[in-house]
Protein backbone atom coordinates (compact mmCIF):
# COMPACT_ATOMS: atom_id res chain seq x y z
CA UNK A 1 82.33 -38.58 46.79
CA UNK A 2 84.71 -38.67 43.46
CA UNK A 3 88.69 -37.51 44.18
CA UNK A 4 89.19 -34.16 42.44
CA UNK A 5 91.79 -34.40 39.51
CA UNK A 6 95.07 -33.59 39.29
CA UNK A 7 96.28 -32.09 36.05
CA UNK A 8 99.15 -31.62 33.55
CA UNK A 9 99.95 -29.24 31.22
CA UNK A 10 102.22 -30.51 28.10
CA UNK A 11 103.57 -27.59 26.29
CA UNK A 12 102.60 -27.03 22.69
CA UNK A 13 105.29 -28.38 20.29
CA UNK A 14 106.54 -27.80 16.30
CA UNK A 15 104.12 -30.95 15.37
CA UNK A 16 100.51 -29.92 16.47
CA UNK A 17 100.62 -26.55 17.36
CA UNK A 18 98.47 -26.41 20.63
CA UNK A 19 99.28 -26.40 24.47
CA UNK A 20 97.26 -29.92 26.16
CA UNK A 21 96.20 -30.28 29.76
CA UNK A 22 95.72 -34.06 30.97
CA UNK A 23 92.99 -34.73 33.21
CA UNK A 24 94.40 -37.29 35.85
CA UNK A 25 93.63 -39.22 38.60
CA UNK A 26 95.71 -41.00 40.89
CA UNK A 27 95.78 -43.91 38.41
CA UNK A 28 93.96 -42.90 35.01
CA UNK A 29 93.48 -40.20 32.65
CA UNK A 30 90.15 -39.39 32.47
CA UNK A 31 90.41 -36.25 29.79
CA UNK A 32 91.89 -33.53 28.50
CA UNK A 33 91.78 -30.13 26.99
CA UNK A 34 93.49 -28.76 24.09
CA UNK A 35 94.08 -24.83 24.09
CA UNK A 36 96.91 -22.27 23.28
CA UNK A 37 98.25 -20.83 26.77
CA UNK A 38 98.87 -16.50 24.97
CA UNK A 39 99.91 -14.80 28.30
CA UNK A 40 96.73 -13.60 30.58
CA UNK A 41 94.73 -15.57 28.44
CA UNK A 42 94.12 -19.29 27.32
CA UNK A 43 92.13 -19.74 23.93
CA UNK A 44 90.02 -23.56 24.76
CA UNK A 45 89.24 -25.55 21.20
CA UNK A 46 87.91 -28.45 23.25
CA UNK A 47 87.49 -30.19 26.32
CA UNK A 48 87.13 -34.08 26.35
CA UNK A 49 86.36 -36.24 28.98
CA UNK A 50 85.99 -39.99 28.63
CA UNK A 51 82.71 -41.55 28.62
CA UNK A 52 83.06 -44.10 31.73
CA UNK A 53 84.16 -40.70 33.37
CA UNK A 54 81.72 -38.24 32.41
CA UNK A 55 79.46 -36.64 34.93
CA UNK A 56 81.57 -36.37 37.30
CA UNK A 57 82.02 -32.74 36.91
CA UNK A 58 85.62 -32.98 35.27
CA UNK A 59 85.42 -30.72 32.34
CA UNK A 60 83.96 -28.10 35.24
CA UNK A 61 87.33 -28.90 37.20
CA UNK A 62 89.61 -28.16 34.64
CA UNK A 63 87.97 -24.48 33.35
CA UNK A 64 88.06 -23.41 36.79
CA UNK A 65 91.38 -24.34 36.89
CA UNK A 66 92.06 -22.26 33.88
CA UNK A 67 89.78 -19.32 35.30
CA UNK A 68 92.44 -19.77 38.69
CA UNK A 69 95.51 -18.67 36.58
CA UNK A 70 94.05 -16.58 33.20
CA UNK A 71 92.20 -13.62 33.20
CA UNK A 72 90.16 -14.55 29.96
CA UNK A 73 89.72 -17.43 28.84
CA UNK A 74 87.67 -18.25 25.37
CA UNK A 75 85.94 -21.08 23.94
CA UNK A 76 86.76 -21.79 20.05
CA UNK A 77 83.55 -22.07 18.14
CA UNK A 78 81.39 -23.56 20.73
CA UNK A 79 78.86 -26.56 19.35
CA UNK A 80 75.33 -26.01 20.13
CA UNK A 81 75.08 -29.12 21.86
CA UNK A 82 77.98 -27.62 24.78
CA UNK A 83 76.49 -24.12 25.23
CA UNK A 84 74.68 -24.91 27.85
CA UNK A 85 78.23 -26.19 29.75
CA UNK A 86 79.68 -22.47 29.14
CA UNK A 87 77.17 -20.78 30.25
CA UNK A 88 76.66 -22.39 33.25
CA UNK A 89 80.58 -21.28 33.61
CA UNK A 90 80.03 -17.81 33.29
CA UNK A 91 80.67 -17.58 29.88
CA UNK A 92 79.67 -15.56 27.46
CA UNK A 93 78.59 -15.59 23.51
CA UNK A 94 80.64 -13.57 21.33
CA UNK A 95 79.28 -12.11 17.87
CA UNK A 96 81.72 -15.18 16.20
CA UNK A 97 80.51 -17.93 17.52
CA UNK A 98 82.70 -18.28 20.67
CA UNK A 99 82.33 -17.66 24.34
CA UNK A 100 84.47 -15.87 26.68
CA UNK A 101 85.24 -15.49 30.34
CA UNK A 102 87.08 -12.48 31.61
CA UNK A 103 88.20 -12.45 35.38
CA UNK A 104 85.92 -9.82 37.35
CA UNK A 105 87.82 -7.01 37.36
CA UNK A 106 88.73 -6.02 41.19
CA UNK A 107 87.90 -2.35 42.47
CA UNK A 108 90.21 -0.05 42.89
CA UNK A 109 91.42 0.88 46.57
């Protein structure tokens, strides 16, 4: 069974303008997410899982972690080859080519 990864956040700096989330196993980095945190929203610009670690659900784990922390997640300019991944994760296509996930509204008491 594959170990679940840990996530290390590197806040944006003046040089690159993006936040980064490293996807790590105990002894090796398996990928990263390039994004921007905007309050209750995060915009994901890329998810990279290194080739030798693909197929282990590390990208899915990263999105699940973001779902647990943000109300809205936007996948920026999704490539045609990645559409199935975002759809599987519960995202909906927007007219501008981005894909969006909104945390389901909780019923009022």
